[in-house]
C-alpha atoms as a PDB file:
ATOM      1  CA  MET A   1     -74.785  26.960  49.515  1.00  0.00           C
ATOM      2  CA  GLY A   2     -73.519  23.889  47.685  1.00  0.00           C
ATOM      3  CA  ILE A   3     -75.185  24.982  44.446  1.00  0.00           C
ATOM      4  CA  ILE A   4     -73.708  28.500  44.702  1.00  0.00           C
ATOM      5  CA  LYS A   5     -70.248  27.062  45.342  1.00  0.00           C
ATOM      6  CA  ASP A   6     -70.551  24.776  42.334  1.00  0.00           C
ATOM      7  CA  VAL A   7     -71.575  27.722  40.117  1.00  0.00           C
ATOM      8  CA  ILE A   8     -68.599  29.804  41.312  1.00  0.00           C
ATOM      9  CA  LEU A   9     -66.167  26.940  40.706  1.00  0.00           C
ATOM     10  CA  HIS A  10     -67.652  26.351  37.277  1.00  0.00           C
ATOM     11  CA  ASP A  11     -67.245  30.036  36.370  1.00  0.00           C
ATOM     12  CA  GLN A  12     -63.639  30.051  37.600  1.00  0.00           C
ATOM     13  CA  GLU A  13     -62.823  26.953  35.570  1.00  0.00           C
ATOM     14  CA  ALA A  14     -64.454  28.443  32.487  1.00  0.00           C
ATOM     15  CA  LYS A  15     -62.338  31.603  32.841  1.00  0.00           C
ATOM     16  CA  LYS A  16     -59.184  29.499  33.076  1.00  0.00           C
ATOM     17  CA  GLN A  17     -60.068  27.778  29.819  1.00  0.00           C
ATOM     18  CA  GLU A  18     -60.860  31.019  27.985  1.00  0.00           C
ATOM     19  CA  PRO A  19     -57.819  32.356  26.133  1.00  0.00           C
ATOM     20  CA  SER A  20     -56.563  35.642  27.555  1.00  0.00           C
ATOM     21  CA  LYS A  21     -55.788  38.638  25.353  1.00  0.00           C
ATOM     22  CA  TYR A  22     -52.121  37.739  25.774  1.00  0.00           C
ATOM     23  CA  ASP A  23     -52.710  34.214  24.508  1.00  0.00           C
ATOM     24  CA  GLU A  24     -54.640  35.691  21.601  1.00  0.00           C
ATOM     25  CA  ALA A  25     -51.753  38.036  20.816  1.00  0.00           C
ATOM     26  CA  LEU A  26     -49.251  35.167  20.855  1.00  0.00           C
ATOM     27  CA  ALA A  27     -51.551  33.012  18.708  1.00  0.00           C
ATOM     28  CA  LYS A  28     -51.005  35.391  15.776  1.00  0.00           C
ATOM     29  CA  TYR A  29     -47.365  34.304  15.598  1.00  0.00           C
ATOM     30  CA  ASN A  30     -45.466  31.052  15.245  1.00  0.00           C
ATOM     31  CA  THR A  31     -43.838  30.562  18.637  1.00  0.00           C
ATOM     32  CA  ASP A  32     -43.229  26.820  18.265  1.00  0.00           C
ATOM     33  CA  LEU A  33     -39.594  27.119  17.221  1.00  0.00           C
ATOM     34  CA  ASP A  34     -36.915  24.459  16.886  1.00  0.00           C
ATOM     35  CA  ASP A  35     -33.609  25.464  18.484  1.00  0.00           C
ATOM     36  CA  ASN A  36     -31.590  23.352  16.070  1.00  0.00           C
ATOM     37  CA  ALA A  37     -33.278  24.959  13.065  1.00  0.00           C
ATOM     38  CA  VAL A  38     -32.496  28.409  14.487  1.00  0.00           C
ATOM     39  CA  ARG A  39     -28.840  27.449  14.994  1.00  0.00           C
ATOM     40  CA  GLU A  40     -28.607  26.204  11.415  1.00  0.00           C
ATOM     41  CA  ALA A  41     -30.210  29.368  10.000  1.00  0.00           C
ATOM     42  CA  VAL A  42     -27.760  31.522  11.956  1.00  0.00           C
ATOM     43  CA  ARG A  43     -24.784  29.362  10.920  1.00  0.00           C
ATOM     44  CA  LYS A  44     -25.761  29.830   7.268  1.00  0.00           C
ATOM     45  CA  ILE A  45     -26.084  33.616   7.603  1.00  0.00           C
ATOM     46  CA  ILE A  46     -22.701  33.880   9.314  1.00  0.00           C
ATOM     47  CA  ALA A  47     -20.961  31.669   6.745  1.00  0.00           C
ATOM     48  CA  GLU A  48     -22.505  33.248   3.662  1.00  0.00           C
ATOM     49  CA  LYS A  49     -23.200  36.891   4.545  1.00  0.00           C
ATOM     50  CA  VAL A  50     -20.885  38.158   7.296  1.00  0.00           C
ATOM     51  CA  PRO A  51     -17.678  38.405   5.188  1.00  0.00           C
ATOM     52  CA  GLN A  52     -19.230  40.909   2.758  1.00  0.00           C
ATOM     53  CA  ASN A  53     -20.058  43.255   5.657  1.00  0.00           C
ATOM     54  CA  ASP A  54     -16.491  43.415   6.962  1.00  0.00           C
ATOM     55  CA  THR A  55     -15.985  46.900   5.519  1.00  0.00           C
ATOM     56  CA  GLU A  56     -14.925  50.351   6.709  1.00  0.00           C
ATOM     57  CA  GLU A  57     -18.390  51.729   5.963  1.00  0.00           C
ATOM     58  CA  VAL A  58     -20.070  49.125   8.186  1.00  0.00           C
ATOM     59  CA  LYS A  59     -17.535  49.689  10.968  1.00  0.00           C
ATOM     60  CA  LYS A  60     -18.245  53.434  10.929  1.00  0.00           C
ATOM     61  CA  PHE A  61     -21.950  52.704  11.119  1.00  0.00           C
ATOM     62  CA  LEU A  62     -21.415  50.311  14.027  1.00  0.00           C
ATOM     63  CA  PHE A  63     -19.408  52.914  15.917  1.00  0.00           C
ATOM     64  CA  GLY A  64     -22.316  55.314  15.564  1.00  0.00           C
ATOM     65  CA  SER A  65     -24.684  52.678  16.992  1.00  0.00           C
ATOM     66  CA  ILE A  66     -22.744  52.060  20.211  1.00  0.00           C
ATOM     67  CA  GLU A  67     -24.389  52.704  23.553  1.00  0.00           C
ATOM     68  CA  LEU A  68     -21.355  53.680  25.599  1.00  0.00           C
ATOM     69  CA  THR A  69     -22.105  52.255  29.004  1.00  0.00           C
ATOM     70  CA  THR A  70     -20.829  52.521  32.550  1.00  0.00           C
ATOM     71  CA  LEU A  71     -22.714  50.426  35.097  1.00  0.00           C
ATOM     72  CA  LYS A  72     -20.149  49.846  37.815  1.00  0.00           C
ATOM     73  CA  THR A  73     -20.556  49.654  41.568  1.00  0.00           C
ATOM     74  CA  THR A  74     -17.721  52.188  41.733  1.00  0.00           C
ATOM     75  CA  ASP A  75     -19.425  54.775  39.489  1.00  0.00           C
ATOM     76  CA  SER A  76     -19.606  58.266  40.993  1.00  0.00           C
ATOM     77  CA  GLU A  77     -20.564  61.730  39.815  1.00  0.00           C
ATOM     78  CA  THR A  78     -16.867  62.384  39.210  1.00  0.00           C
ATOM     79  CA  SER A  79     -16.303  59.247  37.119  1.00  0.00           C
ATOM     80  CA  VAL A  80     -19.527  59.687  35.132  1.00  0.00           C
ATOM     81  CA  LEU A  81     -18.652  63.314  34.445  1.00  0.00           C
ATOM     82  CA  ALA A  82     -15.237  62.222  33.129  1.00  0.00           C
ATOM     83  CA  PHE A  83     -16.940  59.502  31.074  1.00  0.00           C
ATOM     84  CA  THR A  84     -19.264  62.073  29.492  1.00  0.00           C
ATOM     85  CA  GLU A  85     -16.390  64.469  28.827  1.00  0.00           C
ATOM     86  CA  ARG A  86     -14.680  61.769  26.751  1.00  0.00           C
ATOM     87  CA  VAL A  87     -17.717  61.754  24.473  1.00  0.00           C
ATOM     88  CA  ASN A  88     -17.498  65.537  24.206  1.00  0.00           C
ATOM     89  CA  ASP A  89     -13.763  65.340  23.472  1.00  0.00           C
ATOM     90  CA  PHE A  90     -14.239  62.608  20.871  1.00  0.00           C
ATOM     91  CA  ASP A  91     -16.589  64.787  18.872  1.00  0.00           C
ATOM     92  CA  ASN A  92     -13.883  67.453  18.748  1.00  0.00           C
ATOM     93  CA  GLU A  93     -10.898  65.170  18.069  1.00  0.00           C
ATOM     94  CA  TYR A  94     -12.508  62.809  15.555  1.00  0.00           C
ATOM     95  CA  SER A  95     -15.036  65.036  13.807  1.00  0.00           C
ATOM     96  CA  GLU A  96     -14.764  62.897  10.655  1.00  0.00           C
ATOM     97  CA  LEU A  97     -16.268  59.914  12.478  1.00  0.00           C
ATOM     98  CA  PRO A  98     -19.804  59.468  13.815  1.00  0.00           C
ATOM     99  CA  HIS A  99     -20.312  59.990  17.538  1.00  0.00           C
ATOM    100  CA  VAL A 100     -21.699  57.180  19.685  1.00  0.00           C
ATOM    101  CA  ALA A 101     -25.474  56.824  19.794  1.00  0.00           C
ATOM    102  CA  THR A 102     -25.972  56.883  23.543  1.00  0.00           C
ATOM    103  CA  ILE A 103     -24.431  57.246  26.971  1.00  0.00           C
ATOM    104  CA  CYS A 104     -25.984  54.670  29.313  1.00  0.00           C
ATOM    105  CA  VAL A 105     -25.767  55.071  33.104  1.00  0.00           C
ATOM    106  CA  TYR A 106     -27.630  54.346  36.326  1.00  0.00           C
ATOM    107  CA  PRO A 107     -30.621  56.669  36.970  1.00  0.00           C
ATOM    108  CA  CYS A 108     -28.867  58.558  39.748  1.00  0.00           C
ATOM    109  CA  PHE A 109     -26.417  59.912  37.158  1.00  0.00           C
ATOM    110  CA  ALA A 110     -28.939  61.108  34.565  1.00  0.00           C
ATOM    111  CA  LYS A 111     -28.645  64.716  35.694  1.00  0.00           C
ATOM    112  CA  THR A 112     -24.822  64.587  35.644  1.00  0.00           C
ATOM    113  CA  VAL A 113     -24.848  63.443  32.016  1.00  0.00           C
ATOM    114  CA  ALA A 114     -27.635  65.820  30.993  1.00  0.00           C
ATOM    115  CA  GLU A 115     -25.820  68.823  32.437  1.00  0.00           C
ATOM    116  CA  SER A 116     -22.410  67.981  30.939  1.00  0.00           C
ATOM    117  CA  LEU A 117     -23.142  66.373  27.552  1.00  0.00           C
ATOM    118  CA  GLU A 118     -22.406  68.824  24.730  1.00  0.00           C
ATOM    119  CA  VAL A 119     -22.839  66.630  21.644  1.00  0.00           C
ATOM    120  CA  ASP A 120     -26.126  66.954  19.773  1.00  0.00           C
ATOM    121  CA  GLY A 121     -27.739  63.662  18.873  1.00  0.00           C
ATOM    122  CA  VAL A 122     -26.290  61.554  21.693  1.00  0.00           C
ATOM    123  CA  GLU A 123     -29.097  60.052  23.766  1.00  0.00           C
ATOM    124  CA  ILE A 124     -29.038  59.671  27.548  1.00  0.00           C
ATOM    125  CA  ALA A 125     -30.163  56.182  28.536  1.00  0.00           C
ATOM    126  CA  CYS A 126     -30.747  54.969  32.078  1.00  0.00           C
ATOM    127  CA  VAL A 127     -31.159  51.377  33.188  1.00  0.00           C
ATOM    128  CA  SER A 128     -34.199  51.309  35.406  1.00  0.00           C
ATOM    129  CA  GLY A 129     -36.857  49.105  36.958  1.00  0.00           C
ATOM    130  CA  SER A 130     -34.550  47.588  39.580  1.00  0.00           C
ATOM    131  CA  PHE A 131     -31.875  46.690  37.037  1.00  0.00           C
ATOM    132  CA  PRO A 132     -30.559  44.020  36.561  1.00  0.00           C
ATOM    133  CA  SER A 133     -32.893  41.679  38.492  1.00  0.00           C
ATOM    134  CA  SER A 134     -36.239  43.472  38.004  1.00  0.00           C
ATOM    135  CA  GLN A 135     -37.100  42.265  41.496  1.00  0.00           C
ATOM    136  CA  ALA A 136     -38.917  45.165  43.098  1.00  0.00           C
ATOM    137  CA  ARG A 137     -42.442  46.431  43.603  1.00  0.00           C
ATOM    138  CA  ILE A 138     -43.900  48.017  40.492  1.00  0.00           C
ATOM    139  CA  GLU A 139     -44.320  51.301  42.398  1.00  0.00           C
ATOM    140  CA  VAL A 140     -40.542  51.431  42.870  1.00  0.00           C
ATOM    141  CA  LYS A 141     -39.903  50.670  39.214  1.00  0.00           C
ATOM    142  CA  VAL A 142     -42.307  53.351  38.036  1.00  0.00           C
ATOM    143  CA  ALA A 143     -40.809  55.909  40.415  1.00  0.00           C
ATOM    144  CA  GLU A 144     -37.284  55.116  39.239  1.00  0.00           C
ATOM    145  CA  ALA A 145     -38.206  55.592  35.574  1.00  0.00           C
ATOM    146  CA  SER A 146     -40.108  58.802  36.315  1.00  0.00           C
ATOM    147  CA  LEU A 147     -37.215  60.298  38.283  1.00  0.00           C
ATOM    148  CA  ALA A 148     -34.701  59.402  35.575  1.00  0.00           C
ATOM    149  CA  VAL A 149     -36.835  61.083  32.925  1.00  0.00           C
ATOM    150  CA  ALA A 150     -37.252  64.155  35.131  1.00  0.00           C
ATOM    151  CA  ASP A 151     -33.459  64.326  35.478  1.00  0.00           C
ATOM    152  CA  GLY A 152     -32.893  64.287  31.721  1.00  0.00           C
ATOM    153  CA  ALA A 153     -32.942  60.680  30.542  1.00  0.00           C
ATOM    154  CA  THR A 154     -34.114  60.451  26.932  1.00  0.00           C
ATOM    155  CA  GLU A 155     -34.269  56.635  26.924  1.00  0.00           C
ATOM    156  CA  ILE A 156     -35.069  54.071  29.617  1.00  0.00           C
ATOM    157  CA  ASP A 157     -33.871  50.445  29.662  1.00  0.00           C
ATOM    158  CA  ILE A 158     -35.929  48.104  31.839  1.00  0.00           C
ATOM    159  CA  VAL A 159     -35.742  44.373  32.509  1.00  0.00           C
ATOM    160  CA  MET A 160     -38.717  42.135  31.811  1.00  0.00           C
ATOM    161  CA  PRO A 161     -39.839  40.379  35.028  1.00  0.00           C
ATOM    162  CA  VAL A 162     -38.274  37.064  34.035  1.00  0.00           C
ATOM    163  CA  GLY A 163     -39.690  35.070  36.941  1.00  0.00           C
ATOM    164  CA  LYS A 164     -43.232  36.080  36.049  1.00  0.00           C
ATOM    165  CA  PHE A 165     -42.631  35.176  32.416  1.00  0.00           C
ATOM    166  CA  LEU A 166     -41.235  31.728  33.227  1.00  0.00           C
ATOM    167  CA  SER A 167     -44.168  31.015  35.547  1.00  0.00           C
ATOM    168  CA  GLY A 168     -46.620  31.886  32.763  1.00  0.00           C
ATOM    169  CA  ASP A 169     -47.880  35.131  34.295  1.00  0.00           C
ATOM    170  CA  TYR A 170     -48.048  36.971  30.974  1.00  0.00           C
ATOM    171  CA  GLU A 171     -50.573  39.460  32.309  1.00  0.00           C
ATOM    172  CA  GLY A 172     -48.183  40.430  35.112  1.00  0.00           C
ATOM    173  CA  VAL A 173     -45.315  40.765  32.632  1.00  0.00           C
ATOM    174  CA  CYS A 174     -47.285  43.019  30.285  1.00  0.00           C
ATOM    175  CA  ASP A 175     -48.806  45.115  33.065  1.00  0.00           C
ATOM    176  CA  GLU A 176     -45.360  45.917  34.483  1.00  0.00           C
ATOM    177  CA  ILE A 177     -43.977  46.845  31.066  1.00  0.00           C
ATOM    178  CA  SER A 178     -47.025  48.993  30.260  1.00  0.00           C
ATOM    179  CA  GLU A 179     -46.886  50.870  33.564  1.00  0.00           C
ATOM    180  CA  GLN A 180     -43.212  51.679  33.105  1.00  0.00           C
ATOM    181  CA  LYS A 181     -43.816  52.824  29.540  1.00  0.00           C
ATOM    182  CA  ALA A 182     -46.522  55.144  30.843  1.00  0.00           C
ATOM    183  CA  ALA A 183     -43.954  56.585  33.250  1.00  0.00           C
ATOM    184  CA  CYS A 184     -41.576  57.210  30.344  1.00  0.00           C
ATOM    185  CA  GLY A 185     -44.182  58.953  28.221  1.00  0.00           C
ATOM    186  CA  GLU A 186     -44.407  58.986  24.456  1.00  0.00           C
ATOM    187  CA  ASP A 187     -41.263  61.053  23.887  1.00  0.00           C
ATOM    188  CA  VAL A 188     -38.884  58.822  25.871  1.00  0.00           C
ATOM    189  CA  ALA A 189     -38.070  55.502  24.210  1.00  0.00           C
ATOM    190  CA  MET A 190     -38.182  52.405  26.401  1.00  0.00           C
ATOM    191  CA  LYS A 191     -36.072  49.311  25.797  1.00  0.00           C
ATOM    192  CA  VAL A 192     -37.202  46.028  27.327  1.00  0.00           C
ATOM    193  CA  ILE A 193     -34.401  43.620  28.229  1.00  0.00           C
ATOM    194  CA  LEU A 194     -35.520  40.007  27.844  1.00  0.00           C
ATOM    195  CA  GLU A 195     -32.470  38.432  29.538  1.00  0.00           C
ATOM    196  CA  THR A 196     -32.397  35.764  26.852  1.00  0.00           C
ATOM    197  CA  GLY A 197     -29.767  33.719  28.663  1.00  0.00           C
ATOM    198  CA  ALA A 198     -32.278  33.114  31.457  1.00  0.00           C
ATOM    199  CA  ILE A 199     -35.297  32.276  29.303  1.00  0.00           C
ATOM    200  CA  LYS A 200     -33.092  30.051  27.117  1.00  0.00           C
ATOM    201  CA  THR A 201     -35.215  28.558  24.329  1.00  0.00           C
ATOM    202  CA  ALA A 202     -36.037  30.053  20.937  1.00  0.00           C
ATOM    203  CA  SER A 203     -39.751  29.616  21.658  1.00  0.00           C
ATOM    204  CA  ASN A 204     -39.477  31.515  24.941  1.00  0.00           C
ATOM    205  CA  ILE A 205     -37.457  34.290  23.302  1.00  0.00           C
ATOM    206  CA  LYS A 206     -40.063  34.653  20.557  1.00  0.00           C
ATOM    207  CA  LYS A 207     -42.919  34.792  23.093  1.00  0.00           C
ATOM    208  CA  ALA A 208     -41.108  37.288  25.315  1.00  0.00           C
ATOM    209  CA  SER A 209     -40.323  39.489  22.313  1.00  0.00           C
ATOM    210  CA  ILE A 210     -43.961  39.601  21.225  1.00  0.00           C
ATOM    211  CA  LEU A 211     -45.286  40.256  24.723  1.00  0.00           C
ATOM    212  CA  ALA A 212     -42.774  43.069  25.292  1.00  0.00           C
ATOM    213  CA  MET A 213     -43.698  44.761  22.017  1.00  0.00           C
ATOM    214  CA  TYR A 214     -47.401  44.224  22.644  1.00  0.00           C
ATOM    215  CA  ALA A 215     -47.028  45.878  26.072  1.00  0.00           C
ATOM    216  CA  GLY A 216     -45.309  49.012  24.773  1.00  0.00           C
ATOM    217  CA  ALA A 217     -41.591  48.388  24.177  1.00  0.00           C
ATOM    218  CA  ASP A 218     -39.948  50.757  21.708  1.00  0.00           C
ATOM    219  CA  TYR A 219     -36.915  48.452  21.523  1.00  0.00           C
ATOM    220  CA  ILE A 220     -36.261  44.901  22.599  1.00  0.00           C
ATOM    221  CA  LYS A 221     -32.842  44.122  24.003  1.00  0.00           C
ATOM    222  CA  THR A 222     -31.150  40.774  24.577  1.00  0.00           C
ATOM    223  CA  SER A 223     -29.441  41.053  27.927  1.00  0.00           C
ATOM    224  CA  THR A 224     -28.334  43.029  30.950  1.00  0.00           C
ATOM    225  CA  GLY A 225     -24.755  41.856  30.478  1.00  0.00           C
ATOM    226  CA  LYS A 226     -24.816  40.723  34.087  1.00  0.00           C
ATOM    227  CA  LEU A 227     -25.710  37.073  33.367  1.00  0.00           C
ATOM    228  CA  GLU A 228     -24.149  34.467  31.091  1.00  0.00           C
ATOM    229  CA  PRO A 229     -24.849  33.777  28.346  1.00  0.00           C
ATOM    230  CA  ALA A 230     -25.644  37.339  27.326  1.00  0.00           C
ATOM    231  CA  ALA A 231     -26.336  38.230  23.682  1.00  0.00           C
ATOM    232  CA  THR A 232     -26.054  35.375  21.197  1.00  0.00           C
ATOM    233  CA  PRO A 233     -26.558  35.379  17.418  1.00  0.00           C
ATOM    234  CA  GLU A 234     -29.348  32.827  17.849  1.00  0.00           C
ATOM    235  CA  ALA A 235     -31.265  35.036  20.284  1.00  0.00           C
ATOM    236  CA  ALA A 236     -30.752  38.002  17.969  1.00  0.00           C
ATOM    237  CA  TYR A 237     -32.100  36.039  15.017  1.00  0.00           C
ATOM    238  CA  VAL A 238     -35.284  35.047  16.861  1.00  0.00           C
ATOM    239  CA  MET A 239     -35.838  38.574  18.196  1.00  0.00           C
ATOM    240  CA  CYS A 240     -35.382  40.084  14.740  1.00  0.00           C
ATOM    241  CA  GLN A 241     -37.854  37.582  13.308  1.00  0.00           C
ATOM    242  CA  ALA A 242     -40.334  38.640  16.002  1.00  0.00           C
ATOM    243  CA  ILE A 243     -39.776  42.333  15.215  1.00  0.00           C
ATOM    244  CA  LYS A 244     -40.313  41.661  11.514  1.00  0.00           C
ATOM    245  CA  GLU A 245     -43.550  39.744  12.077  1.00  0.00           C
ATOM    246  CA  TYR A 246     -44.822  42.333  14.554  1.00  0.00           C
ATOM    247  CA  TYR A 247     -44.135  45.076  12.012  1.00  0.00           C
ATOM    248  CA  GLU A 248     -46.020  43.112   9.344  1.00  0.00           C
ATOM    249  CA  GLN A 249     -48.974  42.646  11.716  1.00  0.00           C
ATOM    250  CA  THR A 250     -49.146  46.171  13.144  1.00  0.00           C
ATOM    251  CA  GLY A 251     -47.062  48.544  11.019  1.00  0.00           C
ATOM    252  CA  ILE A 252     -45.161  49.531  14.181  1.00  0.00           C
ATOM    253  CA  GLN A 253     -41.370  49.582  13.849  1.00  0.00           C
ATOM    254  CA  ILE A 254     -39.489  48.356  16.922  1.00  0.00           C
ATOM    255  CA  GLY A 255     -35.765  48.785  17.510  1.00  0.00           C
ATOM    256  CA  PHE A 256     -33.273  46.054  18.397  1.00  0.00           C
ATOM    257  CA  LYS A 257     -30.341  46.106  20.803  1.00  0.00           C
ATOM    258  CA  PRO A 258     -27.960  43.204  21.385  1.00  0.00           C
ATOM    259  CA  ALA A 259     -26.021  43.733  24.602  1.00  0.00           C
ATOM    260  CA  GLY A 260     -23.495  41.808  26.654  1.00  0.00           C
ATOM    261  CA  GLY A 261     -20.834  39.539  25.221  1.00  0.00           C
ATOM    262  CA  ILE A 262     -20.043  41.715  22.198  1.00  0.00           C
ATOM    263  CA  ASN A 263     -16.305  41.252  22.580  1.00  0.00           C
ATOM    264  CA  THR A 264     -14.899  41.698  19.066  1.00  0.00           C
ATOM    265  CA  VAL A 265     -15.474  43.740  15.935  1.00  0.00           C
ATOM    266  CA  MET A 266     -16.557  40.540  14.186  1.00  0.00           C
ATOM    267  CA  ASP A 267     -19.204  39.956  16.871  1.00  0.00           C
ATOM    268  CA  ALA A 268     -20.675  43.364  16.052  1.00  0.00           C
ATOM    269  CA  ILE A 269     -20.542  42.696  12.304  1.00  0.00           C
ATOM    270  CA  THR A 270     -22.376  39.418  12.924  1.00  0.00           C
ATOM    271  CA  TYR A 271     -25.256  41.213  14.667  1.00  0.00           C
ATOM    272  CA  TYR A 272     -25.325  43.840  11.928  1.00  0.00           C
ATOM    273  CA  THR A 273     -25.563  41.072   9.348  1.00  0.00           C
ATOM    274  CA  ILE A 274     -28.435  39.320  11.134  1.00  0.00           C
ATOM    275  CA  VAL A 275     -30.377  42.579  11.294  1.00  0.00           C
ATOM    276  CA  LYS A 276     -29.661  43.285   7.635  1.00  0.00           C
ATOM    277  CA  GLU A 277     -30.715  39.811   6.480  1.00  0.00           C
ATOM    278  CA  VAL A 278     -33.814  39.451   8.663  1.00  0.00           C
ATOM    279  CA  LEU A 279     -35.118  43.020   8.972  1.00  0.00           C
ATOM    280  CA  GLY A 280     -33.557  44.781   6.001  1.00  0.00           C
ATOM    281  CA  GLU A 281     -32.179  48.217   5.269  1.00  0.00           C
ATOM    282  CA  LYS A 282     -34.955  50.074   7.104  1.00  0.00           C
ATOM    283  CA  TRP A 283     -33.403  48.981  10.412  1.00  0.00           C
ATOM    284  CA  LEU A 284     -29.837  49.926   9.492  1.00  0.00           C
ATOM    285  CA  THR A 285     -29.795  53.302  11.207  1.00  0.00           C
ATOM    286  CA  ASN A 286     -28.559  54.121  14.679  1.00  0.00           C
ATOM    287  CA  LYS A 287     -32.124  54.874  15.682  1.00  0.00           C
ATOM    288  CA  TRP A 288     -33.271  51.280  15.163  1.00  0.00           C
ATOM    289  CA  LEU A 289     -30.084  49.285  15.785  1.00  0.00           C
ATOM    290  CA  ARG A 290     -28.065  49.821  18.942  1.00  0.00           C
ATOM    291  CA  LEU A 291     -25.112  47.910  20.365  1.00  0.00           C
ATOM    292  CA  GLY A 292     -24.809  47.609  24.132  1.00  0.00           C
ATOM    293  CA  THR A 293     -21.044  47.560  24.541  1.00  0.00           C
ATOM    294  CA  SER A 294     -18.257  49.887  25.600  1.00  0.00           C
ATOM    295  CA  ARG A 295     -15.182  47.796  24.860  1.00  0.00           C
ATOM    296  CA  LEU A 296     -16.107  47.795  21.185  1.00  0.00           C
ATOM    297  CA  ALA A 297     -15.589  51.558  20.864  1.00  0.00           C
ATOM    298  CA  ASN A 298     -11.802  51.407  21.182  1.00  0.00           C
ATOM    299  CA  MET A 299     -11.621  48.292  18.988  1.00  0.00           C
ATOM    300  CA  LEU A 300     -13.563  49.904  16.158  1.00  0.00           C
ATOM    301  CA  LEU A 301     -11.663  53.174  16.525  1.00  0.00           C
ATOM    302  CA  SER A 302      -8.355  51.295  16.318  1.00  0.00           C
ATOM    303  CA  GLU A 303      -9.406  49.449  13.159  1.00  0.00           C
ATOM    304  CA  LEU A 304     -10.749  52.599  11.506  1.00  0.00           C
ATOM    305  CA  LYS A 305      -7.584  54.612  12.263  1.00  0.00           C
ATOM    306  CA  GLY A 306      -5.124  51.779  11.634  1.00  0.00           C
ATOM    307  CA  GLU A 307      -3.405  52.011  15.033  1.00  0.00           C
ATOM    308  CA  GLN A 308      -3.994  50.945  18.613  1.00  0.00           C
ATOM    309  CA  ILE A 309      -6.127  53.614  20.300  1.00  0.00           C
ATOM    310  CA  LYS A 310      -7.575  53.607  23.814  1.00  0.00           C
ATOM    311  CA  PHE A 311      -9.702  56.723  23.803  1.00  0.00           C
ATOM    312  CA  PHE A 312     -12.604  55.622  26.007  1.00  0.00           C
END
């Protein structure tokens, strides 16, 4: 019995030492990043490149990339219906401007939006997977995504299981993302929220970005907006670098969505500039760049029209 036990222990130890497919995926990329170097790179981009993007054309583009979001405890069918009607009304009242990219709601309101939205080209996104904590059984997460899609969601936003990531359970992280992507299907885009404020370091953000893309993310997104800090230019820079390298390795284009903490027009222009400088023109469409913010809509509208407007 002692010999058998020794053999089993030896095999288990050997398996631990063998790199997993997730380790092999990460090994293709430089994930040993210096936070100070990232801060300096971002500071240089902001100082040298942001001012030239402070234009009416960029502001119109940014408006068309907004994911207009309502994720309140007080949301109801009545309030979400009114929220959707504002998007319908905007398309009629400001036909010279682009419409928002997306309406983002809780899954229980997907059908309300789907049945009342009249504007072609506006996506219906639902936060799912036990948003914002991601703390639920995978069966619950899969069911929630499936039900949202059945009710009309055209995009699903999930949260990476942050606890599993921080404990090094990369297999668990990727399995959960893959199973939820399977529930979405090929035609429904899935965004994976990394909650960068919780994973903190540039190295962690780079690893999480790669794992999420490897597991099936169609977009990677900074934050839920429920924790501080939310989106930061530094996190955006690292995520865009990861998207660029992943594209170079695989030929697969992945979208990017900063969310949370986008409080001013200049914040939005900063994220636009980072995407432009790191990823290039191919990402400067409202398919590949989204902004998770609602307050920005009125700010951009006011600047574009030259007067204070509170439409949304």
